[in-house]
Amino acid sequence: MTKAMGFIRLMRLANVVTAVADVLAGIAISGYFTSSEDYLPVLLLCISTIGLYSGGIIFNDVFDAGLDAIERPERLIPSGMISLAEATAFGTLFFGIGVGAAALFQTESLVIAILIVLACLTYNRWAKHYTVWGPINMGLCRGLNLMLGMSILTHEIENWWFLGLIPLIYIASITIISRGEVHGGNRKMLRIAAVLYAVVIISILAVSASMQNIELTLIFLIPFMLMIFKPLLVAFKLPSAENIGKAVKAGVIALILLNASWAGAFGIWQLALFIVILLPLSMWLSKSFAVT
């Protein structure tokens, strides 16, 4: 593997695609495309989330370098493919891109981008080691990412900010599952994750019903449910590290369908279809680049 490919692997490209889907879902919630055809703000916010997510995932490996040297010595930093200093600089560069792109748009987006950076660093450095705080902190990163999309129309954040709690709950459930990726999981944690999944699904259905778009939402929500519950059931039957890893991978990539469901719930079917197109891209990237 060349060093250049090592840097690309460090970014977790399949995951980055899901971050773009978060922002597009937030834009759909804001109703931006019903009143504007200016795509520059959309582009800036997508570039921002690419930078922010990449920076966060890179710093995850930076802070985990010592533990990975013991548990996963084949990873890029402990294997020596990329030095700790190089990875730190690479992550800082992407955080700069993320914050800079948001700043080029407007102050409100900049503030959210900075909050995402702080949430990422807090999780990577401290929160991940705590049973409750860790999943909540990780979920906060995704909730803020959805709000980054909403910030395209600032006043809509006041109307829909609470929807950021849904990706928080969803990502918290995936984080709970991921605790068993190395040594295997336990069924109690998987039950908790399944309940949280159900809360997410019911919440989206409730919002779509209030917007009178439940049929459109179900087109995307049903495949989402199949994608997350099938591997979770397999992991519940045999909570091995391998099965846990597959459940986590499916949960992360299924974020694209979750975000398409948001677009459907708000009646933006064109954007929902565009978000779904990101799914095969993310799945293809996941075959070559690690998701977790």
Protein backbone atom coordinates (compact mmCIF):
# COMPACT_ATOMS: atom_id res chain seq x y z
CA MET A 1 0.00 0.00 0.00
CA THR A 2 1.35 3.43 -0.91
CA LYS A 3 1.36 6.22 1.67
CA ALA A 4 -1.14 8.17 -0.45
CA MET A 5 -3.56 5.23 -0.30
CA GLY A 6 -2.94 5.04 3.44
CA PHE A 7 -4.09 8.62 3.89
CA ILE A 8 -7.22 7.88 1.84
CA ARG A 9 -7.98 4.83 3.98
CA LEU A 10 -7.57 6.94 7.10
CA MET A 11 -10.51 9.10 5.95
CA ARG A 12 -13.06 6.22 5.86
CA LEU A 13 -14.53 7.37 2.55
CA ALA A 14 -17.68 5.24 2.81
CA ASN A 15 -18.53 7.06 6.03
CA VAL A 16 -17.84 10.48 4.52
CA VAL A 17 -20.60 9.83 1.97
CA THR A 18 -23.07 9.30 4.82
CA ALA A 19 -22.07 12.68 6.30
CA VAL A 20 -22.95 14.37 3.01
CA ALA A 21 -26.32 12.62 3.18
CA ASP A 22 -26.85 14.10 6.67
CA VAL A 23 -26.39 17.63 5.36
CA LEU A 24 -28.65 17.03 2.36
CA ALA A 25 -31.33 15.72 4.72
CA GLY A 26 -30.99 18.86 6.82
CA ILE A 27 -31.36 20.97 3.69
CA ALA A 28 -34.51 19.02 2.80
CA ILE A 29 -35.93 19.66 6.28
CA SER A 30 -35.25 23.39 5.88
CA GLY A 31 -37.33 23.52 2.69
CA TYR A 32 -34.52 25.36 0.92
CA PHE A 33 -35.19 23.92 -2.53
CA THR A 34 -38.80 25.10 -2.45
CA SER A 35 -37.64 28.73 -2.45
CA SER A 36 -34.18 28.81 -4.05
CA GLU A 37 -32.17 27.31 -6.92
CA ASP A 38 -28.79 28.61 -5.72
CA TYR A 39 -26.56 25.57 -5.32
CA LEU A 40 -23.46 27.35 -3.98
CA PRO A 41 -24.60 27.20 -0.33
CA VAL A 42 -25.39 23.50 -0.80
CA LEU A 43 -21.90 22.90 -2.18
CA LEU A 44 -20.23 24.82 0.64
CA LEU A 45 -22.11 22.90 3.33
CA CYS A 46 -21.30 19.57 1.65
CA ILE A 47 -17.61 20.50 1.50
CA SER A 48 -17.84 21.57 5.13
CA THR A 49 -19.24 18.23 6.31
CA ILE A 50 -16.66 16.31 4.25
CA GLY A 51 -13.92 18.22 6.03
CA LEU A 52 -15.47 17.96 9.47
CA TYR A 53 -16.26 14.25 9.25
CA SER A 54 -12.87 13.38 7.77
CA GLY A 55 -11.12 15.36 10.47
CA GLY A 56 -13.14 13.67 13.19
CA ILE A 57 -12.53 10.15 11.92
CA ILE A 58 -8.81 10.81 11.42
CA PHE A 59 -8.44 12.12 14.97
CA ASN A 60 -10.26 9.02 16.19
CA ASP A 61 -7.30 6.98 14.97
CA VAL A 62 -4.85 9.56 16.32
CA PHE A 63 -6.20 9.28 19.85
CA ASP A 64 -6.57 5.48 19.55
CA ALA A 65 -3.02 4.91 18.32
CA GLY A 66 -1.80 3.52 21.64
CA LEU A 67 -4.72 1.12 22.07
CA ASP A 68 -4.62 0.08 18.41
CA ALA A 69 -0.96 -0.84 18.83
CA ILE A 70 -2.21 -3.56 21.19
CA GLU A 71 -5.58 -4.56 19.77
CA ARG A 72 -5.25 -3.67 16.07
CA PRO A 73 -1.56 -3.39 15.20
CA GLU A 74 -2.38 -3.73 11.50
CA ARG A 75 -3.99 -0.29 11.44
CA LEU A 76 -2.31 2.55 9.61
CA ILE A 77 -0.73 4.45 12.50
CA PRO A 78 0.49 1.57 14.72
CA SER A 79 1.78 -0.28 11.65
CA GLY A 80 3.99 2.69 10.79
CA MET A 81 2.38 3.34 7.41
CA ILE A 82 1.44 6.84 8.62
CA SER A 83 3.14 8.55 11.54
CA LEU A 84 1.21 10.06 14.40
CA ALA A 85 2.43 13.54 13.43
CA GLU A 86 1.34 13.06 9.81
CA ALA A 87 -2.10 11.85 10.85
CA THR A 88 -2.50 14.79 13.24
CA ALA A 89 -1.60 17.28 10.52
CA PHE A 90 -3.92 15.53 8.06
CA GLY A 91 -6.84 15.66 10.47
CA THR A 92 -6.17 19.31 11.29
CA LEU A 93 -6.16 20.14 7.57
CA PHE A 94 -9.60 18.61 7.11
CA PHE A 95 -11.02 20.34 10.17
CA GLY A 96 -9.73 23.58 8.65
CA ILE A 97 -11.47 22.81 5.36
CA GLY A 98 -14.72 22.04 7.17
CA VAL A 99 -14.70 25.18 9.28
CA GLY A 100 -13.48 27.32 6.39
CA ALA A 101 -16.22 26.21 3.99
CA ALA A 102 -18.88 26.94 6.62
CA ALA A 103 -17.34 30.37 7.27
CA LEU A 104 -17.53 31.19 3.57
CA PHE A 105 -21.29 30.70 3.75
CA GLN A 106 -22.52 32.35 6.94
CA THR A 107 -21.85 32.84 10.65
CA GLU A 108 -24.55 30.45 11.87
CA SER A 109 -23.08 27.59 9.82
CA LEU A 110 -19.60 28.47 11.11
CA VAL A 111 -20.78 28.23 14.72
CA ILE A 112 -22.28 24.78 14.11
CA ALA A 113 -19.10 23.64 12.31
CA ILE A 114 -16.99 24.71 15.30
CA LEU A 115 -19.35 22.87 17.66
CA ILE A 116 -18.95 19.74 15.52
CA VAL A 117 -15.14 20.00 15.78
CA LEU A 118 -15.38 20.35 19.56
CA ALA A 119 -17.82 17.43 19.80
CA CYS A 120 -15.54 15.25 17.67
CA LEU A 121 -12.44 16.03 19.72
CA THR A 122 -14.30 15.56 23.00
CA TYR A 123 -15.52 12.15 21.88
CA ASN A 124 -12.17 11.02 20.53
CA ARG A 125 -10.16 12.18 23.54
CA TRP A 126 -12.45 11.43 26.48
CA ALA A 127 -16.09 10.50 25.94
CA LYS A 128 -15.58 7.26 24.01
CA HIS A 129 -14.27 5.62 27.17
CA TYR A 130 -17.57 6.13 29.02
CA THR A 131 -20.54 3.80 28.65
CA VAL A 132 -23.25 6.49 28.56
CA TRP A 133 -21.43 9.71 27.70
CA GLY A 134 -19.63 8.15 24.74
CA PRO A 135 -22.67 7.12 22.67
CA ILE A 136 -24.45 10.40 23.44
CA ASN A 137 -21.41 12.44 22.43
CA MET A 138 -20.99 10.48 19.20
CA GLY A 139 -24.67 10.95 18.42
CA LEU A 140 -24.32 14.67 19.08
CA CYS A 141 -21.82 14.89 16.21
CA ARG A 142 -24.41 13.54 13.77
CA GLY A 143 -27.22 15.61 15.22
CA LEU A 144 -25.16 18.75 14.72
CA ASN A 145 -24.35 17.58 11.20
CA LEU A 146 -28.06 17.43 10.39
CA MET A 147 -28.40 20.93 11.81
CA LEU A 148 -25.51 22.07 9.64
CA GLY A 149 -27.73 21.28 6.68
CA MET A 150 -30.68 23.06 8.27
CA SER A 151 -28.52 26.16 8.73
CA ILE A 152 -28.86 26.87 5.02
CA LEU A 153 -32.03 28.68 6.13
CA THR A 154 -31.15 29.94 9.59
CA HIS A 155 -34.69 30.52 10.83
CA GLU A 156 -35.61 26.89 10.14
CA ILE A 157 -33.21 25.72 12.85
CA GLU A 158 -35.57 27.32 15.38
CA ASN A 159 -38.45 25.27 13.95
CA TRP A 160 -36.75 21.90 13.54
CA TRP A 161 -33.68 21.78 15.82
CA PHE A 162 -35.24 18.99 17.91
CA LEU A 163 -35.02 16.63 14.92
CA GLY A 164 -31.29 16.58 15.59
CA LEU A 165 -32.13 14.33 18.53
CA ILE A 166 -33.13 11.52 16.14
CA PRO A 167 -29.67 10.98 14.57
CA LEU A 168 -28.25 11.41 18.08
CA ILE A 169 -30.34 8.46 19.28
CA TYR A 170 -29.55 6.44 16.16
CA ILE A 171 -25.80 6.93 16.30
CA ALA A 172 -25.81 6.34 20.04
CA SER A 173 -27.38 2.94 19.35
CA ILE A 174 -24.71 2.08 16.78
CA THR A 175 -22.01 3.19 19.22
CA ILE A 176 -23.48 0.88 21.85
CA ILE A 177 -23.33 -2.02 19.39
CA SER A 178 -19.77 -1.17 18.36
CA ARG A 179 -18.47 -1.81 21.89
CA GLY A 180 -18.29 -5.47 20.92
CA GLU A 181 -16.33 -5.08 17.67
CA VAL A 182 -13.05 -6.36 19.09
CA HIS A 183 -13.98 -8.93 21.74
CA GLY A 184 -17.61 -9.65 20.89
CA GLY A 185 -20.79 -8.14 22.32
CA ASN A 186 -23.57 -9.08 24.68
CA ARG A 187 -27.26 -9.46 24.01
CA LYS A 188 -28.31 -6.87 26.61
CA MET A 189 -26.57 -4.09 24.69
CA LEU A 190 -28.05 -5.35 21.43
CA ARG A 191 -31.55 -5.25 22.96
CA ILE A 192 -31.00 -1.64 24.01
CA ALA A 193 -29.82 -0.80 20.49
CA ALA A 194 -32.91 -2.46 18.98
CA VAL A 195 -35.20 -0.38 21.22
CA LEU A 196 -33.38 2.81 20.21
CA TYR A 197 -33.70 1.82 16.54
CA ALA A 198 -37.44 1.47 17.08
CA VAL A 199 -37.61 4.93 18.68
CA VAL A 200 -35.90 6.41 15.61
CA ILE A 201 -38.30 4.69 13.20
CA ILE A 202 -41.40 5.70 15.15
CA SER A 203 -40.16 9.30 15.35
CA ILE A 204 -39.66 9.54 11.59
CA LEU A 205 -43.09 8.03 10.97
CA ALA A 206 -44.64 10.55 13.35
CA VAL A 207 -42.99 13.48 11.57
CA SER A 208 -43.92 12.16 8.13
CA ALA A 209 -47.52 11.66 9.24
CA SER A 210 -47.68 15.25 10.51
CA MET A 211 -46.36 16.42 7.13
CA GLN A 212 -48.81 14.07 5.33
CA ASN A 213 -45.98 12.33 3.48
CA ILE A 214 -46.02 8.92 5.15
CA GLU A 215 -46.36 6.91 1.91
CA LEU A 216 -43.32 8.61 0.35
CA THR A 217 -41.35 8.14 3.55
CA LEU A 218 -42.08 4.41 3.71
CA ILE A 219 -40.46 3.93 0.29
CA PHE A 220 -37.13 4.71 1.94
CA LEU A 221 -37.86 3.76 5.54
CA ILE A 222 -38.73 0.11 4.87
CA PRO A 223 -35.37 -0.66 3.16
CA PHE A 224 -33.71 1.20 6.04
CA MET A 225 -35.37 -1.07 8.59
CA LEU A 226 -34.40 -4.20 6.67
CA MET A 227 -30.81 -3.01 6.35
CA ILE A 228 -30.32 -2.38 10.07
CA PHE A 229 -32.37 -5.13 11.69
CA LYS A 230 -31.19 -8.10 9.59
CA PRO A 231 -27.52 -7.96 10.70
CA LEU A 232 -28.60 -6.96 14.22
CA LEU A 233 -30.67 -10.15 14.46
CA VAL A 234 -27.71 -12.22 13.27
CA ALA A 235 -25.51 -10.55 15.88
CA PHE A 236 -28.11 -11.21 18.56
CA LYS A 237 -28.11 -14.92 17.74
CA LEU A 238 -24.30 -15.03 17.78
CA PRO A 239 -22.72 -11.86 19.24
CA SER A 240 -19.26 -12.53 17.84
CA ALA A 241 -16.87 -9.71 16.95
CA GLU A 242 -17.40 -10.44 13.26
CA ASN A 243 -21.20 -10.26 13.46
CA ILE A 244 -21.06 -7.16 15.63
CA GLY A 245 -18.79 -5.52 13.05
CA LYS A 246 -21.25 -6.31 10.26
CA ALA A 247 -24.13 -4.84 12.27
CA VAL A 248 -22.17 -1.66 12.88
CA LYS A 249 -21.14 -1.37 9.23
CA ALA A 250 -24.75 -1.82 8.08
CA GLY A 251 -25.94 0.73 10.61
CA VAL A 252 -23.46 3.36 9.43
CA ILE A 253 -24.17 2.92 5.74
CA ALA A 254 -27.94 2.76 6.36
CA LEU A 255 -27.70 6.38 7.47
CA ILE A 256 -28.11 7.22 3.79
CA LEU A 257 -31.55 5.57 3.74
CA LEU A 258 -32.40 7.26 7.03
CA ASN A 259 -31.56 10.62 5.49
CA ALA A 260 -33.54 9.80 2.35
CA SER A 261 -36.47 9.09 4.68
CA TRP A 262 -36.13 12.60 6.12
CA ALA A 263 -36.28 14.08 2.62
CA GLY A 264 -39.33 11.93 1.93
CA ALA A 265 -40.97 13.00 5.18
CA PHE A 266 -40.73 16.62 4.06
CA GLY A 267 -41.99 15.83 0.57
CA ILE A 268 -38.73 16.55 -1.30
CA TRP A 269 -38.79 13.34 -3.34
CA GLN A 270 -36.20 14.54 -5.87
CA LEU A 271 -33.62 15.08 -3.13
CA ALA A 272 -34.62 11.79 -1.48
CA LEU A 273 -33.81 9.95 -4.70
CA PHE A 274 -30.51 11.80 -5.02
CA ILE A 275 -29.57 10.80 -1.47
CA VAL A 276 -30.41 7.16 -2.25
CA ILE A 277 -27.99 7.30 -5.19
CA LEU A 278 -25.26 7.81 -2.59
CA LEU A 279 -26.02 4.36 -1.12
CA PRO A 280 -24.37 2.21 -3.81
CA LEU A 281 -21.41 4.62 -3.79
CA SER A 282 -20.97 4.19 -0.04
CA MET A 283 -21.41 0.40 -0.26
CA TRP A 284 -18.84 0.21 -3.06
CA LEU A 285 -16.36 2.28 -1.07
CA SER A 286 -16.97 0.13 2.00
CA LYS A 287 -15.60 -2.89 0.11
CA SER A 288 -12.24 -1.19 -0.29
CA PHE A 289 -12.09 1.10 2.76
CA ALA A 290 -12.86 0.21 6.36
CA VAL A 291 -16.05 1.64 7.85
CA THR A 292 -15.12 1.11 11.50
